[in-house]
Amino acid sequence: MLNKFLAAKHAEIARLVQLNNNNALPAAYKGERIPFAATLRANKLACIAEYKRASPSRGDIAPHLSPEDVAEQYAKAGATALSVLTEEKYFKGKLEYLERMQFVGLPMLRKDFIVHPLQVIETASTPASAQLLIARMFNSPAEIAELIELGASFGIESVVEVFNHTDLVLARLANATIIQVNNRNLDTLETDLAICKRMIPHRRTAEVWIAASGISSSTQRRQVEAAGYDAMLVGTALMQDGEPQKALTRLLE
């Protein structure tokens, strides 16, 4: 699946290269970015609520819900931050959703398959506070570090996603400080909450750790909190019934 996701980015990267050659890349966002890691740390098991219209494993989830409506519902229900899927082919996202959801005043993570510096520059044209980098999509820590540093030059923090200890080593060699443990195996798309429990003993105090995927009940939320995570990222469980505010309220009870 990761190879398919990466292949879907080729046309996007080619478009950005062409824009760069014509000196036509979008200008950097001029407003203030809301701190991402600091906001998560300020909350007990912060919730990063995701706007997710579709996925490869589920197909359409809630394509009828607008980004504005979902952002407002999440904010009312107590979300700490927003995760905004911008990948178009498999998740039916759009980059413009970041701008359309910023009105609620929560820090936003651009969730996509970012592997090229020009994608970071494009992210910088939005009000996103953070970008997602998936460790196993890179060949070396230097490649990850380049995108972390480039993002930081625009005030964008980087969430580096890992699935196992090998990924974590790669992330740390790239000087990542926000670690997201994905309970979903991106090769098979299966989820297992035991993954985040297995990884948490490796957490360092200075790092911010996020548990992602497979969290759909208050019982699972309490398990993640008890394990020692700073935040959880939840998408499908909040969107699938078409009532994200009610779903998030139940999850946080």
C-alpha atoms as a PDB file:
ATOM      1  CA  MET A   1       0.000   0.000   0.000  1.00  0.00           C
ATOM      2  CA  LEU A   2       2.820   2.416   0.759  1.00  0.00           C
ATOM      3  CA  ASN A   3       4.157   1.912  -2.742  1.00  0.00           C
ATOM      4  CA  LYS A   4       0.704   2.716  -4.133  1.00  0.00           C
ATOM      5  CA  PHE A   5       0.479   5.841  -1.987  1.00  0.00           C
ATOM      6  CA  LEU A   6       3.924   6.939  -3.125  1.00  0.00           C
ATOM      7  CA  ALA A   7       3.095   6.300  -6.788  1.00  0.00           C
ATOM      8  CA  ALA A   8       0.023   8.505  -6.419  1.00  0.00           C
ATOM      9  CA  LYS A   9       2.309  11.371  -5.385  1.00  0.00           C
ATOM     10  CA  HIS A  10       4.422  11.314  -8.561  1.00  0.00           C
ATOM     11  CA  ALA A  11       2.043  13.526 -10.539  1.00  0.00           C
ATOM     12  CA  GLU A  12       1.716  15.956  -7.636  1.00  0.00           C
ATOM     13  CA  ILE A  13       5.476  16.255  -7.259  1.00  0.00           C
ATOM     14  CA  ALA A  14       5.895  16.706 -11.021  1.00  0.00           C
ATOM     15  CA  ARG A  15       3.347  19.550 -10.887  1.00  0.00           C
ATOM     16  CA  LEU A  16       5.256  21.209  -8.048  1.00  0.00           C
ATOM     17  CA  VAL A  17       8.559  20.835  -9.919  1.00  0.00           C
ATOM     18  CA  GLN A  18       6.990  22.569 -12.916  1.00  0.00           C
ATOM     19  CA  LEU A  19       5.682  25.370 -10.725  1.00  0.00           C
ATOM     20  CA  ASN A  20       9.113  25.742  -9.142  1.00  0.00           C
ATOM     21  CA  ASN A  21      10.780  25.910 -12.570  1.00  0.00           C
ATOM     22  CA  ASN A  22       8.385  28.728 -13.460  1.00  0.00           C
ATOM     23  CA  ASN A  23       8.931  30.492 -10.122  1.00  0.00           C
ATOM     24  CA  ALA A  24       5.224  29.997  -9.458  1.00  0.00           C
ATOM     25  CA  LEU A  25       5.153  28.091  -6.178  1.00  0.00           C
ATOM     26  CA  PRO A  26       2.567  29.432  -3.718  1.00  0.00           C
ATOM     27  CA  ALA A  27       3.807  31.996  -1.221  1.00  0.00           C
ATOM     28  CA  ALA A  28       4.292  31.018   2.398  1.00  0.00           C
ATOM     29  CA  TYR A  29       1.404  31.584   4.783  1.00  0.00           C
ATOM     30  CA  LYS A  30       1.798  34.972   6.463  1.00  0.00           C
ATOM     31  CA  GLY A  31      -0.263  34.328   9.577  1.00  0.00           C
ATOM     32  CA  GLU A  32       0.773  32.877  12.907  1.00  0.00           C
ATOM     33  CA  ARG A  33       0.882  29.097  13.259  1.00  0.00           C
ATOM     34  CA  ILE A  34      -0.572  27.646  16.451  1.00  0.00           C
ATOM     35  CA  PRO A  35       2.071  25.588  18.304  1.00  0.00           C
ATOM     36  CA  PHE A  36       1.367  21.896  17.792  1.00  0.00           C
ATOM     37  CA  ALA A  37       3.489  19.946  20.291  1.00  0.00           C
ATOM     38  CA  ALA A  38       3.059  22.529  23.064  1.00  0.00           C
ATOM     39  CA  THR A  39      -0.720  22.450  22.659  1.00  0.00           C
ATOM     40  CA  LEU A  40      -0.743  18.652  22.905  1.00  0.00           C
ATOM     41  CA  ARG A  41       1.447  18.712  26.009  1.00  0.00           C
ATOM     42  CA  ALA A  42      -0.888  21.192  27.710  1.00  0.00           C
ATOM     43  CA  ASN A  43      -3.737  18.670  27.658  1.00  0.00           C
ATOM     44  CA  LYS A  44      -4.151  15.305  29.363  1.00  0.00           C
ATOM     45  CA  LEU A  45      -4.225  12.764  26.521  1.00  0.00           C
ATOM     46  CA  ALA A  46      -4.915  15.379  23.881  1.00  0.00           C
ATOM     47  CA  CYS A  47      -7.264  14.351  21.088  1.00  0.00           C
ATOM     48  CA  ILE A  48      -6.261  15.018  17.488  1.00  0.00           C
ATOM     49  CA  ALA A  49      -9.573  14.644  15.658  1.00  0.00           C
ATOM     50  CA  GLU A  50      -9.302  13.825  11.975  1.00  0.00           C
ATOM     51  CA  TYR A  51     -11.316  15.008   8.995  1.00  0.00           C
ATOM     52  CA  LYS A  52     -11.381  11.856   6.905  1.00  0.00           C
ATOM     53  CA  ARG A  53     -13.768  11.581   3.960  1.00  0.00           C
ATOM     54  CA  ALA A  54     -12.592   8.167   2.711  1.00  0.00           C
ATOM     55  CA  SER A  55      -9.862   5.547   3.112  1.00  0.00           C
ATOM     56  CA  PRO A  56      -8.491   2.578   1.141  1.00  0.00           C
ATOM     57  CA  SER A  57      -9.723   0.128   3.780  1.00  0.00           C
ATOM     58  CA  ARG A  58     -13.220   1.605   4.236  1.00  0.00           C
ATOM     59  CA  GLY A  59     -14.015   3.394   0.984  1.00  0.00           C
ATOM     60  CA  ASP A  60     -16.267   6.434   1.444  1.00  0.00           C
ATOM     61  CA  ILE A  61     -16.724   7.301   5.108  1.00  0.00           C
ATOM     62  CA  ALA A  62     -18.592  10.599   5.244  1.00  0.00           C
ATOM     63  CA  PRO A  63     -18.022  12.526   2.003  1.00  0.00           C
ATOM     64  CA  HIS A  64     -21.171  14.592   2.608  1.00  0.00           C
ATOM     65  CA  LEU A  65     -19.732  16.298   5.697  1.00  0.00           C
ATOM     66  CA  SER A  66     -17.988  19.570   4.846  1.00  0.00           C
ATOM     67  CA  PRO A  67     -14.637  20.475   6.420  1.00  0.00           C
ATOM     68  CA  GLU A  68     -16.217  23.553   8.017  1.00  0.00           C
ATOM     69  CA  ASP A  69     -19.006  21.526   9.632  1.00  0.00           C
ATOM     70  CA  VAL A  70     -16.643  18.868  10.968  1.00  0.00           C
ATOM     71  CA  ALA A  71     -14.148  21.438  12.293  1.00  0.00           C
ATOM     72  CA  GLU A  72     -16.929  23.161  14.218  1.00  0.00           C
ATOM     73  CA  GLN A  73     -18.295  19.892  15.592  1.00  0.00           C
ATOM     74  CA  TYR A  74     -14.853  18.736  16.723  1.00  0.00           C
ATOM     75  CA  ALA A  75     -14.119  22.061  18.412  1.00  0.00           C
ATOM     76  CA  LYS A  76     -17.432  21.958  20.306  1.00  0.00           C
ATOM     77  CA  ALA A  77     -16.760  18.394  21.465  1.00  0.00           C
ATOM     78  CA  GLY A  78     -13.353  19.255  22.914  1.00  0.00           C
ATOM     79  CA  ALA A  79     -10.756  18.328  20.281  1.00  0.00           C
ATOM     80  CA  THR A  80      -7.264  19.601  21.069  1.00  0.00           C
ATOM     81  CA  ALA A  81      -6.074  19.647  17.454  1.00  0.00           C
ATOM     82  CA  LEU A  82      -7.211  18.670  13.973  1.00  0.00           C
ATOM     83  CA  SER A  83      -5.721  16.188  11.536  1.00  0.00           C
ATOM     84  CA  VAL A  84      -6.648  17.106   7.974  1.00  0.00           C
ATOM     85  CA  LEU A  85      -6.236  14.504   5.246  1.00  0.00           C
ATOM     86  CA  THR A  86      -5.192  16.231   2.047  1.00  0.00           C
ATOM     87  CA  GLU A  87      -4.347  13.181  -0.103  1.00  0.00           C
ATOM     88  CA  GLU A  88      -6.762  13.149  -3.046  1.00  0.00           C
ATOM     89  CA  LYS A  89      -6.692   9.736  -4.745  1.00  0.00           C
ATOM     90  CA  TYR A  90      -7.237   7.361  -1.835  1.00  0.00           C
ATOM     91  CA  PHE A  91      -8.606   9.651   0.895  1.00  0.00           C
ATOM     92  CA  LYS A  92     -10.535  12.233  -1.165  1.00  0.00           C
ATOM     93  CA  GLY A  93      -8.803  15.102   0.588  1.00  0.00           C
ATOM     94  CA  LYS A  94      -7.747  18.523  -0.645  1.00  0.00           C
ATOM     95  CA  LEU A  95      -5.029  20.927   0.467  1.00  0.00           C
ATOM     96  CA  GLU A  96      -7.601  23.725   0.669  1.00  0.00           C
ATOM     97  CA  TYR A  97      -9.315  21.990   3.603  1.00  0.00           C
ATOM     98  CA  LEU A  98      -6.580  23.308   5.892  1.00  0.00           C
ATOM     99  CA  GLU A  99      -7.551  26.895   5.146  1.00  0.00           C
ATOM    100  CA  ARG A 100     -11.256  26.096   5.374  1.00  0.00           C
ATOM    101  CA  MET A 101     -10.889  24.540   8.846  1.00  0.00           C
ATOM    102  CA  GLN A 102      -8.599  27.066  10.496  1.00  0.00           C
ATOM    103  CA  PHE A 103     -11.479  29.293  11.691  1.00  0.00           C
ATOM    104  CA  VAL A 104     -11.979  27.175  14.843  1.00  0.00           C
ATOM    105  CA  GLY A 105      -8.528  28.148  16.117  1.00  0.00           C
ATOM    106  CA  LEU A 106      -7.070  24.665  16.669  1.00  0.00           C
ATOM    107  CA  PRO A 107      -3.589  23.578  15.519  1.00  0.00           C
ATOM    108  CA  MET A 108      -3.771  21.497  12.352  1.00  0.00           C
ATOM    109  CA  LEU A 109      -1.698  18.566  11.132  1.00  0.00           C
ATOM    110  CA  ARG A 110      -1.451  18.121   7.367  1.00  0.00           C
ATOM    111  CA  LYS A 111      -1.800  14.365   6.923  1.00  0.00           C
ATOM    112  CA  ASP A 112      -0.505  13.213   3.556  1.00  0.00           C
ATOM    113  CA  PHE A 113       2.358  11.293   1.994  1.00  0.00           C
ATOM    114  CA  ILE A 114       5.051  13.962   2.077  1.00  0.00           C
ATOM    115  CA  VAL A 115       8.403  12.831   0.699  1.00  0.00           C
ATOM    116  CA  HIS A 116       9.717  15.814  -1.297  1.00  0.00           C
ATOM    117  CA  PRO A 117      10.923  19.289  -0.245  1.00  0.00           C
ATOM    118  CA  LEU A 118       8.478  20.992  -2.624  1.00  0.00           C
ATOM    119  CA  GLN A 119       5.592  19.315  -0.789  1.00  0.00           C
ATOM    120  CA  VAL A 120       6.876  20.941   2.392  1.00  0.00           C
ATOM    121  CA  ILE A 121       6.964  24.311   0.663  1.00  0.00           C
ATOM    122  CA  GLU A 122       3.394  23.733  -0.515  1.00  0.00           C
ATOM    123  CA  THR A 123       2.397  22.856   3.060  1.00  0.00           C
ATOM    124  CA  ALA A 124       3.977  26.135   4.153  1.00  0.00           C
ATOM    125  CA  SER A 125       1.475  28.009   1.970  1.00  0.00           C
ATOM    126  CA  THR A 126      -1.293  26.794   4.296  1.00  0.00           C
ATOM    127  CA  PRO A 127      -2.014  27.583   7.973  1.00  0.00           C
ATOM    128  CA  ALA A 128      -0.961  24.049   9.010  1.00  0.00           C
ATOM    129  CA  SER A 129       0.954  23.832  12.286  1.00  0.00           C
ATOM    130  CA  ALA A 130       2.483  20.437  11.513  1.00  0.00           C
ATOM    131  CA  GLN A 131       3.157  17.945   8.735  1.00  0.00           C
ATOM    132  CA  LEU A 132       3.193  14.145   8.780  1.00  0.00           C
ATOM    133  CA  LEU A 133       6.309  12.261   7.679  1.00  0.00           C
ATOM    134  CA  ILE A 134       6.123   8.454   7.575  1.00  0.00           C
ATOM    135  CA  ALA A 135       9.521   7.024   8.524  1.00  0.00           C
ATOM    136  CA  ARG A 136       9.372   3.932   6.324  1.00  0.00           C
ATOM    137  CA  MET A 137       8.748   6.005   3.197  1.00  0.00           C
ATOM    138  CA  PHE A 138      12.341   7.283   3.388  1.00  0.00           C
ATOM    139  CA  ASN A 139      15.630   5.566   2.626  1.00  0.00           C
ATOM    140  CA  SER A 140      17.738   7.371   5.206  1.00  0.00           C
ATOM    141  CA  PRO A 141      17.443   9.584   8.285  1.00  0.00           C
ATOM    142  CA  ALA A 142      19.090  12.387   6.293  1.00  0.00           C
ATOM    143  CA  GLU A 143      16.082  12.508   3.955  1.00  0.00           C
ATOM    144  CA  ILE A 144      13.704  12.830   6.896  1.00  0.00           C
ATOM    145  CA  ALA A 145      15.932  15.395   8.618  1.00  0.00           C
ATOM    146  CA  GLU A 146      15.951  17.555   5.482  1.00  0.00           C
ATOM    147  CA  LEU A 147      12.155  17.810   5.493  1.00  0.00           C
ATOM    148  CA  ILE A 148      12.002  18.353   9.270  1.00  0.00           C
ATOM    149  CA  GLU A 149      14.471  21.232   8.997  1.00  0.00           C
ATOM    150  CA  LEU A 150      12.757  22.728   5.959  1.00  0.00           C
ATOM    151  CA  GLY A 151       9.407  22.599   7.715  1.00  0.00           C
ATOM    152  CA  ALA A 152      10.884  24.225  10.812  1.00  0.00           C
ATOM    153  CA  SER A 153      12.173  27.118   8.700  1.00  0.00           C
ATOM    154  CA  PHE A 154       8.504  27.926   7.991  1.00  0.00           C
ATOM    155  CA  GLY A 155       7.373  27.324  11.567  1.00  0.00           C
ATOM    156  CA  ILE A 156       5.939  23.888  10.740  1.00  0.00           C
ATOM    157  CA  GLU A 157       6.526  21.055  13.203  1.00  0.00           C
ATOM    158  CA  SER A 158       6.993  17.490  11.965  1.00  0.00           C
ATOM    159  CA  VAL A 159       5.151  14.448  13.267  1.00  0.00           C
ATOM    160  CA  VAL A 160       7.190  11.383  12.310  1.00  0.00           C
ATOM    161  CA  GLU A 161       5.158   8.199  12.140  1.00  0.00           C
ATOM    162  CA  VAL A 162       6.604   4.850  13.171  1.00  0.00           C
ATOM    163  CA  PHE A 163       5.295   1.299  13.289  1.00  0.00           C
ATOM    164  CA  ASN A 164       8.170  -0.568  14.927  1.00  0.00           C
ATOM    165  CA  HIS A 165      11.512  -0.014  16.632  1.00  0.00           C
ATOM    166  CA  THR A 166      13.405   0.116  13.318  1.00  0.00           C
ATOM    167  CA  ASP A 167      11.222   3.050  12.259  1.00  0.00           C
ATOM    168  CA  LEU A 168      11.804   4.717  15.631  1.00  0.00           C
ATOM    169  CA  VAL A 169      15.583   4.473  15.256  1.00  0.00           C
ATOM    170  CA  LEU A 170      15.296   6.099  11.835  1.00  0.00           C
ATOM    171  CA  ALA A 171      13.110   8.881  13.266  1.00  0.00           C
ATOM    172  CA  ARG A 172      15.509   9.609  16.105  1.00  0.00           C
ATOM    173  CA  LEU A 173      18.520   9.701  13.811  1.00  0.00           C
ATOM    174  CA  ALA A 174      16.605  12.404  11.934  1.00  0.00           C
ATOM    175  CA  ASN A 175      16.176  14.301  15.235  1.00  0.00           C
ATOM    176  CA  ALA A 176      12.405  13.841  15.314  1.00  0.00           C
ATOM    177  CA  THR A 177      10.792  14.966  18.586  1.00  0.00           C
ATOM    178  CA  ILE A 178       7.105  14.226  17.832  1.00  0.00           C
ATOM    179  CA  ILE A 179       6.594  10.490  17.399  1.00  0.00           C
ATOM    180  CA  GLN A 180       3.344   9.015  16.151  1.00  0.00           C
ATOM    181  CA  VAL A 181       2.899   5.276  16.653  1.00  0.00           C
ATOM    182  CA  ASN A 182       0.493   3.912  14.056  1.00  0.00           C
ATOM    183  CA  ASN A 183      -1.440   0.862  15.169  1.00  0.00           C
ATOM    184  CA  ARG A 184      -2.301   0.245  11.525  1.00  0.00           C
ATOM    185  CA  ASN A 185       0.172  -1.771   9.485  1.00  0.00           C
ATOM    186  CA  LEU A 186       0.348   0.294   6.302  1.00  0.00           C
ATOM    187  CA  ASP A 187       1.406  -2.775   4.343  1.00  0.00           C
ATOM    188  CA  THR A 188      -1.709  -4.789   5.280  1.00  0.00           C
ATOM    189  CA  LEU A 189      -4.004  -2.018   6.659  1.00  0.00           C
ATOM    190  CA  GLU A 190      -4.803  -4.174   9.714  1.00  0.00           C
ATOM    191  CA  THR A 191      -4.936  -2.498  13.151  1.00  0.00           C
ATOM    192  CA  ASP A 192      -3.690  -3.791  16.491  1.00  0.00           C
ATOM    193  CA  LEU A 193      -3.704  -1.621  19.632  1.00  0.00           C
ATOM    194  CA  ALA A 194      -0.965  -3.840  21.068  1.00  0.00           C
ATOM    195  CA  ILE A 195       1.511  -2.015  18.811  1.00  0.00           C
ATOM    196  CA  CYS A 196       1.305   1.258  20.729  1.00  0.00           C
ATOM    197  CA  LYS A 197       1.564  -0.635  24.023  1.00  0.00           C
ATOM    198  CA  ARG A 198       4.640  -2.450  22.749  1.00  0.00           C
ATOM    199  CA  MET A 199       6.321   0.771  21.605  1.00  0.00           C
ATOM    200  CA  ILE A 200       5.661   3.055  24.590  1.00  0.00           C
ATOM    201  CA  PRO A 201       8.551   1.746  26.762  1.00  0.00           C
ATOM    202  CA  HIS A 202      10.910   3.365  24.238  1.00  0.00           C
ATOM    203  CA  ARG A 203       9.447   6.837  24.861  1.00  0.00           C
ATOM    204  CA  ARG A 204      11.829   9.560  25.992  1.00  0.00           C
ATOM    205  CA  THR A 205      10.703  12.363  28.287  1.00  0.00           C
ATOM    206  CA  ALA A 206      11.551  15.164  25.850  1.00  0.00           C
ATOM    207  CA  GLU A 207       9.482  13.572  23.079  1.00  0.00           C
ATOM    208  CA  VAL A 208       5.762  13.968  22.392  1.00  0.00           C
ATOM    209  CA  TRP A 209       4.123  10.625  21.597  1.00  0.00           C
ATOM    210  CA  ILE A 210       0.863  10.145  19.706  1.00  0.00           C
ATOM    211  CA  ALA A 211      -1.097   6.895  19.377  1.00  0.00           C
ATOM    212  CA  ALA A 212      -2.938   6.614  16.059  1.00  0.00           C
ATOM    213  CA  SER A 213      -5.493   4.209  14.542  1.00  0.00           C
ATOM    214  CA  GLY A 214      -7.599   1.545  16.200  1.00  0.00           C
ATOM    215  CA  ILE A 215      -8.962   3.790  18.974  1.00  0.00           C
ATOM    216  CA  SER A 216     -12.753   3.808  18.905  1.00  0.00           C
ATOM    217  CA  SER A 217     -14.027   3.516  22.488  1.00  0.00           C
ATOM    218  CA  SER A 218     -13.549   5.229  25.834  1.00  0.00           C
ATOM    219  CA  THR A 219     -12.076   1.949  27.133  1.00  0.00           C
ATOM    220  CA  GLN A 220      -9.379   2.014  24.441  1.00  0.00           C
ATOM    221  CA  ARG A 221      -8.832   5.717  25.130  1.00  0.00           C
ATOM    222  CA  ARG A 222      -8.165   4.961  28.788  1.00  0.00           C
ATOM    223  CA  GLN A 223      -5.752   2.181  27.805  1.00  0.00           C
ATOM    224  CA  VAL A 224      -3.764   4.588  25.634  1.00  0.00           C
ATOM    225  CA  GLU A 225      -3.754   7.180  28.407  1.00  0.00           C
ATOM    226  CA  ALA A 226      -2.628   4.646  31.002  1.00  0.00           C
ATOM    227  CA  ALA A 227       0.179   3.512  28.704  1.00  0.00           C
ATOM    228  CA  GLY A 228       1.660   7.021  28.827  1.00  0.00           C
ATOM    229  CA  TYR A 229       0.836   8.666  25.504  1.00  0.00           C
ATOM    230  CA  ASP A 230       0.552  12.437  25.224  1.00  0.00           C
ATOM    231  CA  ALA A 231      -2.137  12.324  22.538  1.00  0.00           C
ATOM    232  CA  MET A 232      -4.315  10.100  20.383  1.00  0.00           C
ATOM    233  CA  LEU A 233      -5.292  10.597  16.762  1.00  0.00           C
ATOM    234  CA  VAL A 234      -8.766   9.381  15.835  1.00  0.00           C
ATOM    235  CA  GLY A 235     -10.479   9.581  12.450  1.00  0.00           C
ATOM    236  CA  THR A 236     -12.717   6.803  11.153  1.00  0.00           C
ATOM    237  CA  ALA A 237     -14.388   6.146  14.522  1.00  0.00           C
ATOM    238  CA  LEU A 238     -15.478   9.786  14.692  1.00  0.00           C
ATOM    239  CA  MET A 239     -16.603  10.150  11.090  1.00  0.00           C
ATOM    240  CA  GLN A 240     -18.222   6.824  10.217  1.00  0.00           C
ATOM    241  CA  ASP A 241     -21.693   7.481  11.664  1.00  0.00           C
ATOM    242  CA  GLY A 242     -21.933  10.999  10.261  1.00  0.00           C
ATOM    243  CA  GLU A 243     -22.109  12.642  13.699  1.00  0.00           C
ATOM    244  CA  PRO A 244     -18.519  13.533  14.626  1.00  0.00           C
ATOM    245  CA  GLN A 245     -19.443  15.775  17.552  1.00  0.00           C
ATOM    246  CA  LYS A 246     -21.484  13.070  19.274  1.00  0.00           C
ATOM    247  CA  ALA A 247     -18.842  10.444  18.538  1.00  0.00           C
ATOM    248  CA  LEU A 248     -16.029  12.561  19.995  1.00  0.00           C
ATOM    249  CA  THR A 249     -18.107  13.430  23.063  1.00  0.00           C
ATOM    250  CA  ARG A 250     -18.668   9.703  23.695  1.00  0.00           C
ATOM    251  CA  LEU A 251     -14.993   8.927  23.202  1.00  0.00           C
ATOM    252  CA  LEU A 252     -13.911  11.581  25.708  1.00  0.00           C
ATOM    253  CA  GLU A 253     -16.454  10.585  28.380  1.00  0.00           C
END
